[in-house]
Amino acid sequence: MPARLQQHLQQLRDELATDIPLDVNDRAALLELMQEIDLKLAKELASAPDASLVDGVNLAVERFESQHPTLAGTLRNILQSLANMGI
């Protein structure tokens, strides 16, 4: 996994570890999205890139950008890293 993407994922983990006022469903959705990214990238994307991964991150950006702009910004950075990888 590229170092830049690792940094962005760690930043998201750090943000979630703080007391950001997220409801249980939002927090669970972000954790699930991070696990999905980790799993797909751990497989080194041996097959064709999966558009659902990018779609999931895009949906998360839309979901959090009004109430949690910092999280949305981190998610945008993750999107950019994925795009730089050709995903």
PDB file of N, CA and C in Angstrom:
ATOM      1  N   MET A   1       0.849  -1.164   0.000  1.00  0.00           N
ATOM      2  CA  MET A   1       0.000   0.000   0.000  1.00  0.00           C
ATOM      3  C   MET A   1       0.900   1.233   0.000  1.00  0.00           C
ATOM      4  N   PRO A   2       0.600   2.171  -0.875  1.00  0.00           N
ATOM      5  CA  PRO A   2       1.412   3.384  -0.921  1.00  0.00           C
ATOM      6  C   PRO A   2       1.414   4.116   0.419  1.00  0.00           C
ATOM      7  N   ALA A   3       2.542   4.721   0.720  1.00  0.00           N
ATOM      8  CA  ALA A   3       2.714   5.402   2.001  1.00  0.00           C
ATOM      9  C   ALA A   3       1.695   6.518   2.192  1.00  0.00           C
ATOM     10  N   ARG A   4       1.381   7.227   1.145  1.00  0.00           N
ATOM     11  CA  ARG A   4       0.434   8.344   1.236  1.00  0.00           C
ATOM     12  C   ARG A   4      -0.942   7.845   1.666  1.00  0.00           C
ATOM     13  N   LEU A   5      -1.375   6.740   1.064  1.00  0.00           N
ATOM     14  CA  LEU A   5      -2.674   6.174   1.416  1.00  0.00           C
ATOM     15  C   LEU A   5      -2.655   5.675   2.858  1.00  0.00           C
ATOM     16  N   GLN A   6      -1.564   5.065   3.266  1.00  0.00           N
ATOM     17  CA  GLN A   6      -1.442   4.614   4.654  1.00  0.00           C
ATOM     18  C   GLN A   6      -1.562   5.792   5.617  1.00  0.00           C
ATOM     19  N   GLN A   7      -0.947   6.916   5.259  1.00  0.00           N
ATOM     20  CA  GLN A   7      -1.026   8.107   6.102  1.00  0.00           C
ATOM     21  C   GLN A   7      -2.462   8.593   6.231  1.00  0.00           C
ATOM     22  N   HIS A   8      -3.177   8.610   5.110  1.00  0.00           N
ATOM     23  CA  HIS A   8      -4.559   9.086   5.134  1.00  0.00           C
ATOM     24  C   HIS A   8      -5.459   8.142   5.940  1.00  0.00           C
ATOM     25  N   LEU A   9      -5.248   6.858   5.784  1.00  0.00           N
ATOM     26  CA  LEU A   9      -6.041   5.899   6.559  1.00  0.00           C
ATOM     27  C   LEU A   9      -5.737   6.023   8.051  1.00  0.00           C
ATOM     28  N   GLN A  10      -4.470   6.236   8.384  1.00  0.00           N
ATOM     29  CA  GLN A  10      -4.124   6.412   9.790  1.00  0.00           C
ATOM     30  C   GLN A  10      -4.731   7.700  10.340  1.00  0.00           C
ATOM     31  N   GLN A  11      -4.747   8.743   9.527  1.00  0.00           N
ATOM     32  CA  GLN A  11      -5.358   9.998   9.954  1.00  0.00           C
ATOM     33  C   GLN A  11      -6.843   9.792  10.233  1.00  0.00           C
ATOM     34  N   LEU A  12      -7.518   9.023   9.388  1.00  0.00           N
ATOM     35  CA  LEU A  12      -8.928   8.734   9.612  1.00  0.00           C
ATOM     36  C   LEU A  12      -9.115   7.929  10.892  1.00  0.00           C
ATOM     37  N   ARG A  13      -8.262   6.945  11.118  1.00  0.00           N
ATOM     38  CA  ARG A  13      -8.319   6.170  12.366  1.00  0.00           C
ATOM     39  C   ARG A  13      -8.133   7.084  13.582  1.00  0.00           C
ATOM     40  N   ASP A  14      -7.167   7.991  13.491  1.00  0.00           N
ATOM     41  CA  ASP A  14      -6.900   8.916  14.593  1.00  0.00           C
ATOM     42  C   ASP A  14      -8.099   9.820  14.853  1.00  0.00           C
ATOM     43  N   GLU A  15      -8.718  10.303  13.787  1.00  0.00           N
ATOM     44  CA  GLU A  15      -9.887  11.161  13.938  1.00  0.00           C
ATOM     45  C   GLU A  15     -11.036  10.401  14.592  1.00  0.00           C
ATOM     46  N   LEU A  16     -11.218   9.153  14.210  1.00  0.00           N
ATOM     47  CA  LEU A  16     -12.287   8.349  14.799  1.00  0.00           C
ATOM     48  C   LEU A  16     -11.994   8.004  16.254  1.00  0.00           C
ATOM     49  N   ALA A  17     -10.730   7.978  16.613  1.00  0.00           N
ATOM     50  CA  ALA A  17     -10.363   7.665  17.995  1.00  0.00           C
ATOM     51  C   ALA A  17     -10.643   8.833  18.939  1.00  0.00           C
ATOM     52  N   THR A  18     -10.777  10.027  18.376  1.00  0.00           N
ATOM     53  CA  THR A  18     -11.125  11.178  19.218  1.00  0.00           C
ATOM     54  C   THR A  18     -12.618  11.144  19.506  1.00  0.00           C
ATOM     55  N   ASP A  19     -13.068  12.099  20.237  1.00  0.00           N
ATOM     56  CA  ASP A  19     -14.481  12.144  20.619  1.00  0.00           C
ATOM     57  C   ASP A  19     -15.327  12.912  19.615  1.00  0.00           C
ATOM     58  N   ILE A  20     -15.168  12.599  18.344  1.00  0.00           N
ATOM     59  CA  ILE A  20     -15.998  13.224  17.316  1.00  0.00           C
ATOM     60  C   ILE A  20     -17.435  12.770  17.550  1.00  0.00           C
ATOM     61  N   PRO A  21     -18.377  13.697  17.559  1.00  0.00           N
ATOM     62  CA  PRO A  21     -19.763  13.322  17.830  1.00  0.00           C
ATOM     63  C   PRO A  21     -20.419  12.608  16.639  1.00  0.00           C
ATOM     64  N   LEU A  22     -20.157  11.323  16.527  1.00  0.00           N
ATOM     65  CA  LEU A  22     -20.761  10.501  15.480  1.00  0.00           C
ATOM     66  C   LEU A  22     -21.737   9.532  16.129  1.00  0.00           C
ATOM     67  N   ASP A  23     -22.854   9.282  15.434  1.00  0.00           N
ATOM     68  CA  ASP A  23     -23.732   8.264  15.995  1.00  0.00           C
ATOM     69  C   ASP A  23     -23.149   6.886  15.698  1.00  0.00           C
ATOM     70  N   VAL A  24     -23.691   5.893  16.328  1.00  0.00           N
ATOM     71  CA  VAL A  24     -23.149   4.534  16.249  1.00  0.00           C
ATOM     72  C   VAL A  24     -23.127   4.036  14.804  1.00  0.00           C
ATOM     73  N   ASN A  25     -24.170   4.319  14.035  1.00  0.00           N
ATOM     74  CA  ASN A  25     -24.240   3.850  12.649  1.00  0.00           C
ATOM     75  C   ASN A  25     -23.189   4.507  11.774  1.00  0.00           C
ATOM     76  N   ASP A  26     -22.975   5.820  11.956  1.00  0.00           N
ATOM     77  CA  ASP A  26     -21.961   6.524  11.170  1.00  0.00           C
ATOM     78  C   ASP A  26     -20.563   5.996  11.477  1.00  0.00           C
ATOM     79  N   ARG A  27     -20.277   5.818  12.750  1.00  0.00           N
ATOM     80  CA  ARG A  27     -18.967   5.303  13.154  1.00  0.00           C
ATOM     81  C   ARG A  27     -18.753   3.898  12.590  1.00  0.00           C
ATOM     82  N   ALA A  28     -19.790   3.059  12.677  1.00  0.00           N
ATOM     83  CA  ALA A  28     -19.695   1.690  12.155  1.00  0.00           C
ATOM     84  C   ALA A  28     -19.492   1.688  10.645  1.00  0.00           C
ATOM     85  N   ALA A  29     -20.173   2.600   9.950  1.00  0.00           N
ATOM     86  CA  ALA A  29     -20.023   2.682   8.492  1.00  0.00           C
ATOM     87  C   ALA A  29     -18.600   3.068   8.105  1.00  0.00           C
ATOM     88  N   LEU A  30     -18.011   4.019   8.816  1.00  0.00           N
ATOM     89  CA  LEU A  30     -16.633   4.422   8.525  1.00  0.00           C
ATOM     90  C   LEU A  30     -15.647   3.307   8.835  1.00  0.00           C
ATOM     91  N   LEU A  31     -15.843   2.624   9.952  1.00  0.00           N
ATOM     92  CA  LEU A  31     -14.953   1.513  10.298  1.00  0.00           C
ATOM     93  C   LEU A  31     -15.050   0.398   9.266  1.00  0.00           C
ATOM     94  N   GLU A  32     -16.263   0.123   8.814  1.00  0.00           N
ATOM     95  CA  GLU A  32     -16.454  -0.913   7.795  1.00  0.00           C
ATOM     96  C   GLU A  32     -15.792  -0.510   6.480  1.00  0.00           C
ATOM     97  N   LEU A  33     -15.914   0.758   6.113  1.00  0.00           N
ATOM     98  CA  LEU A  33     -15.286   1.258   4.894  1.00  0.00           C
ATOM     99  C   LEU A  33     -13.767   1.141   4.976  1.00  0.00           C
ATOM    100  N   MET A  34     -13.191   1.476   6.119  1.00  0.00           N
ATOM    101  CA  MET A  34     -11.738   1.350   6.289  1.00  0.00           C
ATOM    102  C   MET A  34     -11.306  -0.109   6.195  1.00  0.00           C
ATOM    103  N   GLN A  35     -12.077  -1.018   6.771  1.00  0.00           N
ATOM    104  CA  GLN A  35     -11.741  -2.439   6.679  1.00  0.00           C
ATOM    105  C   GLN A  35     -11.793  -2.908   5.236  1.00  0.00           C
ATOM    106  N   GLU A  36     -12.796  -2.436   4.496  1.00  0.00           N
ATOM    107  CA  GLU A  36     -12.919  -2.818   3.091  1.00  0.00           C
ATOM    108  C   GLU A  36     -11.712  -2.334   2.291  1.00  0.00           C
ATOM    109  N   ILE A  37     -11.289  -1.114   2.537  1.00  0.00           N
ATOM    110  CA  ILE A  37     -10.113  -0.577   1.850  1.00  0.00           C
ATOM    111  C   ILE A  37      -8.879  -1.401   2.207  1.00  0.00           C
ATOM    112  N   ASP A  38      -8.693  -1.673   3.483  1.00  0.00           N
ATOM    113  CA  ASP A  38      -7.540  -2.466   3.923  1.00  0.00           C
ATOM    114  C   ASP A  38      -7.535  -3.850   3.280  1.00  0.00           C
ATOM    115  N   LEU A  39      -8.687  -4.510   3.266  1.00  0.00           N
ATOM    116  CA  LEU A  39      -8.758  -5.861   2.692  1.00  0.00           C
ATOM    117  C   LEU A  39      -8.472  -5.869   1.208  1.00  0.00           C
ATOM    118  N   LYS A  40      -9.071  -4.931   0.488  1.00  0.00           N
ATOM    119  CA  LYS A  40      -8.874  -4.913  -0.957  1.00  0.00           C
ATOM    120  C   LYS A  40      -7.448  -4.545  -1.326  1.00  0.00           C
ATOM    121  N   LEU A  41      -6.851  -3.655  -0.576  1.00  0.00           N
ATOM    122  CA  LEU A  41      -5.474  -3.279  -0.876  1.00  0.00           C
ATOM    123  C   LEU A  41      -4.491  -4.339  -0.410  1.00  0.00           C
ATOM    124  N   ALA A  42      -4.835  -5.084   0.619  1.00  0.00           N
ATOM    125  CA  ALA A  42      -3.969  -6.167   1.085  1.00  0.00           C
ATOM    126  C   ALA A  42      -3.856  -7.253   0.023  1.00  0.00           C
ATOM    127  N   LYS A  43      -4.866  -7.402  -0.762  1.00  0.00           N
ATOM    128  CA  LYS A  43      -4.836  -8.392  -1.850  1.00  0.00           C
ATOM    129  C   LYS A  43      -4.075  -7.865  -3.054  1.00  0.00           C
ATOM    130  N   GLU A  44      -3.528  -6.640  -2.888  1.00  0.00           N
ATOM    131  CA  GLU A  44      -2.722  -5.996  -3.934  1.00  0.00           C
ATOM    132  C   GLU A  44      -3.503  -5.787  -5.231  1.00  0.00           C
ATOM    133  N   LEU A  45      -4.821  -5.792  -5.102  1.00  0.00           N
ATOM    134  CA  LEU A  45      -5.684  -5.545  -6.254  1.00  0.00           C
ATOM    135  C   LEU A  45      -5.268  -6.388  -7.453  1.00  0.00           C
ATOM    136  N   ALA A  46      -5.102  -7.687  -7.217  1.00  0.00           N
ATOM    137  CA  ALA A  46      -4.661  -8.617  -8.247  1.00  0.00           C
ATOM    138  C   ALA A  46      -5.638  -8.652  -9.417  1.00  0.00           C
ATOM    139  N   SER A  47      -6.892  -8.427  -9.142  1.00  0.00           N
ATOM    140  CA  SER A  47      -7.883  -8.410 -10.215  1.00  0.00           C
ATOM    141  C   SER A  47      -8.123  -6.977 -10.653  1.00  0.00           C
ATOM    142  N   ALA A  48      -9.121  -6.797 -11.472  1.00  0.00           N
ATOM    143  CA  ALA A  48      -9.458  -5.456 -11.943  1.00  0.00           C
ATOM    144  C   ALA A  48      -9.898  -4.599 -10.760  1.00  0.00           C
ATOM    145  N   PRO A  49      -9.605  -3.316 -10.815  1.00  0.00           N
ATOM    146  CA  PRO A  49     -10.023  -2.430  -9.731  1.00  0.00           C
ATOM    147  C   PRO A  49     -11.527  -2.498  -9.499  1.00  0.00           C
ATOM    148  N   ASP A  50     -11.918  -2.395  -8.271  1.00  0.00           N
ATOM    149  CA  ASP A  50     -13.316  -2.509  -7.875  1.00  0.00           C
ATOM    150  C   ASP A  50     -13.900  -1.113  -7.693  1.00  0.00           C
ATOM    151  N   ALA A  51     -14.824  -0.745  -8.577  1.00  0.00           N
ATOM    152  CA  ALA A  51     -15.430   0.584  -8.516  1.00  0.00           C
ATOM    153  C   ALA A  51     -16.259   0.777  -7.262  1.00  0.00           C
ATOM    154  N   SER A  52     -16.735  -0.303  -6.655  1.00  0.00           N
ATOM    155  CA  SER A  52     -17.564  -0.161  -5.463  1.00  0.00           C
ATOM    156  C   SER A  52     -16.766   0.421  -4.296  1.00  0.00           C
ATOM    157  N   LEU A  53     -15.476   0.191  -4.269  1.00  0.00           N
ATOM    158  CA  LEU A  53     -14.630   0.758  -3.214  1.00  0.00           C
ATOM    159  C   LEU A  53     -14.646   2.285  -3.300  1.00  0.00           C
ATOM    160  N   VAL A  54     -14.419   2.810  -4.480  1.00  0.00           N
ATOM    161  CA  VAL A  54     -14.421   4.258  -4.688  1.00  0.00           C
ATOM    162  C   VAL A  54     -15.819   4.813  -4.449  1.00  0.00           C
ATOM    163  N   ASP A  55     -16.838   4.091  -4.907  1.00  0.00           N
ATOM    164  CA  ASP A  55     -18.215   4.538  -4.674  1.00  0.00           C
ATOM    165  C   ASP A  55     -18.512   4.640  -3.187  1.00  0.00           C
ATOM    166  N   GLY A  56     -18.047   3.676  -2.415  1.00  0.00           N
ATOM    167  CA  GLY A  56     -18.265   3.696  -0.975  1.00  0.00           C
ATOM    168  C   GLY A  56     -17.608   4.891  -0.309  1.00  0.00           C
ATOM    169  N   VAL A  57     -16.401   5.216  -0.752  1.00  0.00           N
ATOM    170  CA  VAL A  57     -15.706   6.379  -0.184  1.00  0.00           C
ATOM    171  C   VAL A  57     -16.420   7.666  -0.592  1.00  0.00           C
ATOM    172  N   ASN A  58     -16.854   7.744  -1.855  1.00  0.00           N
ATOM    173  CA  ASN A  58     -17.602   8.919  -2.313  1.00  0.00           C
ATOM    174  C   ASN A  58     -18.878   9.120  -1.504  1.00  0.00           C
ATOM    175  N   LEU A  59     -19.591   8.042  -1.252  1.00  0.00           N
ATOM    176  CA  LEU A  59     -20.813   8.134  -0.449  1.00  0.00           C
ATOM    177  C   LEU A  59     -20.507   8.619   0.965  1.00  0.00           C
ATOM    178  N   ALA A  60     -19.404   8.145   1.520  1.00  0.00           N
ATOM    179  CA  ALA A  60     -19.016   8.588   2.862  1.00  0.00           C
ATOM    180  C   ALA A  60     -18.676  10.074   2.870  1.00  0.00           C
ATOM    181  N   VAL A  61     -18.009  10.557   1.830  1.00  0.00           N
ATOM    182  CA  VAL A  61     -17.697  11.990   1.736  1.00  0.00           C
ATOM    183  C   VAL A  61     -18.993  12.791   1.747  1.00  0.00           C
ATOM    184  N   GLU A  62     -19.943  12.385   0.911  1.00  0.00           N
ATOM    185  CA  GLU A  62     -21.224  13.100   0.847  1.00  0.00           C
ATOM    186  C   GLU A  62     -21.954  13.053   2.185  1.00  0.00           C
ATOM    187  N   ARG A  63     -21.870  11.926   2.848  1.00  0.00           N
ATOM    188  CA  ARG A  63     -22.585  11.740   4.108  1.00  0.00           C
ATOM    189  C   ARG A  63     -22.049  12.638   5.223  1.00  0.00           C
ATOM    190  N   PHE A  64     -20.732  12.857   5.243  1.00  0.00           N
ATOM    191  CA  PHE A  64     -20.108  13.552   6.354  1.00  0.00           C
ATOM    192  C   PHE A  64     -19.671  14.984   6.071  1.00  0.00           C
ATOM    193  N   GLU A  65     -19.747  15.452   4.817  1.00  0.00           N
ATOM    194  CA  GLU A  65     -19.156  16.743   4.522  1.00  0.00           C
ATOM    195  C   GLU A  65     -19.845  17.924   5.204  1.00  0.00           C
ATOM    196  N   SER A  66     -21.123  17.851   5.478  1.00  0.00           N
ATOM    197  CA  SER A  66     -21.764  19.009   6.109  1.00  0.00           C
ATOM    198  C   SER A  66     -21.541  19.046   7.626  1.00  0.00           C
ATOM    199  N   GLN A  67     -21.618  17.910   8.291  1.00  0.00           N
ATOM    200  CA  GLN A  67     -21.489  17.896   9.742  1.00  0.00           C
ATOM    201  C   GLN A  67     -20.071  17.611  10.235  1.00  0.00           C
ATOM    202  N   HIS A  68     -19.281  16.945   9.427  1.00  0.00           N
ATOM    203  CA  HIS A  68     -17.925  16.570   9.840  1.00  0.00           C
ATOM    204  C   HIS A  68     -16.936  16.853   8.696  1.00  0.00           C
ATOM    205  N   PRO A  69     -16.673  18.131   8.435  1.00  0.00           N
ATOM    206  CA  PRO A  69     -15.820  18.479   7.291  1.00  0.00           C
ATOM    207  C   PRO A  69     -14.401  17.935   7.386  1.00  0.00           C
ATOM    208  N   THR A  70     -13.872  17.767   8.581  1.00  0.00           N
ATOM    209  CA  THR A  70     -12.523  17.221   8.722  1.00  0.00           C
ATOM    210  C   THR A  70     -12.493  15.772   8.258  1.00  0.00           C
ATOM    211  N   LEU A  71     -13.481  14.997   8.673  1.00  0.00           N
ATOM    212  CA  LEU A  71     -13.567  13.602   8.218  1.00  0.00           C
ATOM    213  C   LEU A  71     -13.732  13.548   6.703  1.00  0.00           C
ATOM    214  N   ALA A  72     -14.595  14.406   6.176  1.00  0.00           N
ATOM    215  CA  ALA A  72     -14.819  14.431   4.731  1.00  0.00           C
ATOM    216  C   ALA A  72     -13.526  14.767   3.981  1.00  0.00           C
ATOM    217  N   GLY A  73     -12.749  15.699   4.523  1.00  0.00           N
ATOM    218  CA  GLY A  73     -11.476  16.049   3.895  1.00  0.00           C
ATOM    219  C   GLY A  73     -10.507  14.879   3.887  1.00  0.00           C
ATOM    220  N   THR A  74     -10.463  14.140   4.975  1.00  0.00           N
ATOM    221  CA  THR A  74      -9.597  12.962   5.043  1.00  0.00           C
ATOM    222  C   THR A  74     -10.063  11.918   4.043  1.00  0.00           C
ATOM    223  N   LEU A  75     -11.367  11.737   3.945  1.00  0.00           N
ATOM    224  CA  LEU A  75     -11.908  10.778   2.976  1.00  0.00           C
ATOM    225  C   LEU A  75     -11.588  11.212   1.543  1.00  0.00           C
ATOM    226  N   ARG A  76     -11.627  12.517   1.281  1.00  0.00           N
ATOM    227  CA  ARG A  76     -11.247  13.011  -0.061  1.00  0.00           C
ATOM    228  C   ARG A  76      -9.777  12.707  -0.349  1.00  0.00           C
ATOM    229  N   ASN A  77      -8.931  12.846   0.668  1.00  0.00           N
ATOM    230  CA  ASN A  77      -7.517  12.510   0.487  1.00  0.00           C
ATOM    231  C   ASN A  77      -7.355  11.027   0.159  1.00  0.00           C
ATOM    232  N   ILE A  78      -8.144  10.192   0.809  1.00  0.00           N
ATOM    233  CA  ILE A  78      -8.108   8.756   0.514  1.00  0.00           C
ATOM    234  C   ILE A  78      -8.549   8.514  -0.917  1.00  0.00           C
ATOM    235  N   LEU A  79      -9.605   9.206  -1.357  1.00  0.00           N
ATOM    236  CA  LEU A  79     -10.058   9.086  -2.746  1.00  0.00           C
ATOM    237  C   LEU A  79      -8.955   9.464  -3.720  1.00  0.00           C
ATOM    238  N   GLN A  80      -8.271  10.564  -3.420  1.00  0.00           N
ATOM    239  CA  GLN A  80      -7.193  10.999  -4.306  1.00  0.00           C
ATOM    240  C   GLN A  80      -6.066   9.974  -4.358  1.00  0.00           C
ATOM    241  N   SER A  81      -5.724   9.403  -3.222  1.00  0.00           N
ATOM    242  CA  SER A  81      -4.685   8.368  -3.196  1.00  0.00           C
ATOM    243  C   SER A  81      -5.105   7.152  -4.016  1.00  0.00           C
ATOM    244  N   LEU A  82      -6.369   6.765  -3.889  1.00  0.00           N
ATOM    245  CA  LEU A  82      -6.868   5.636  -4.683  1.00  0.00           C
ATOM    246  C   LEU A  82      -6.826   5.973  -6.175  1.00  0.00           C
ATOM    247  N   ALA A  83      -7.195   7.199  -6.515  1.00  0.00           N
ATOM    248  CA  ALA A  83      -7.153   7.615  -7.927  1.00  0.00           C
ATOM    249  C   ALA A  83      -5.727   7.593  -8.450  1.00  0.00           C
ATOM    250  N   ASN A  84      -4.776   8.029  -7.631  1.00  0.00           N
ATOM    251  CA  ASN A  84      -3.367   8.011  -8.042  1.00  0.00           C
ATOM    252  C   ASN A  84      -2.867   6.578  -8.271  1.00  0.00           C
ATOM    253  N   MET A  85      -3.511   5.623  -7.597  1.00  0.00           N
ATOM    254  CA  MET A  85      -3.144   4.224  -7.774  1.00  0.00           C
ATOM    255  C   MET A  85      -3.856   3.604  -8.971  1.00  0.00           C
ATOM    256  N   GLY A  86      -4.744   4.371  -9.612  1.00  0.00           N
ATOM    257  CA  GLY A  86      -5.477   3.853 -10.761  1.00  0.00           C
ATOM    258  C   GLY A  86      -6.747   3.124 -10.383  1.00  0.00           C
ATOM    259  N   ILE A  87      -7.227   3.376  -9.197  1.00  0.00           N
ATOM    260  CA  ILE A  87      -8.444   2.695  -8.726  1.00  0.00           C
ATOM    261  C   ILE A  87      -9.619   3.624  -8.889  1.00  0.00           C
TER     262      ILE A  87
END
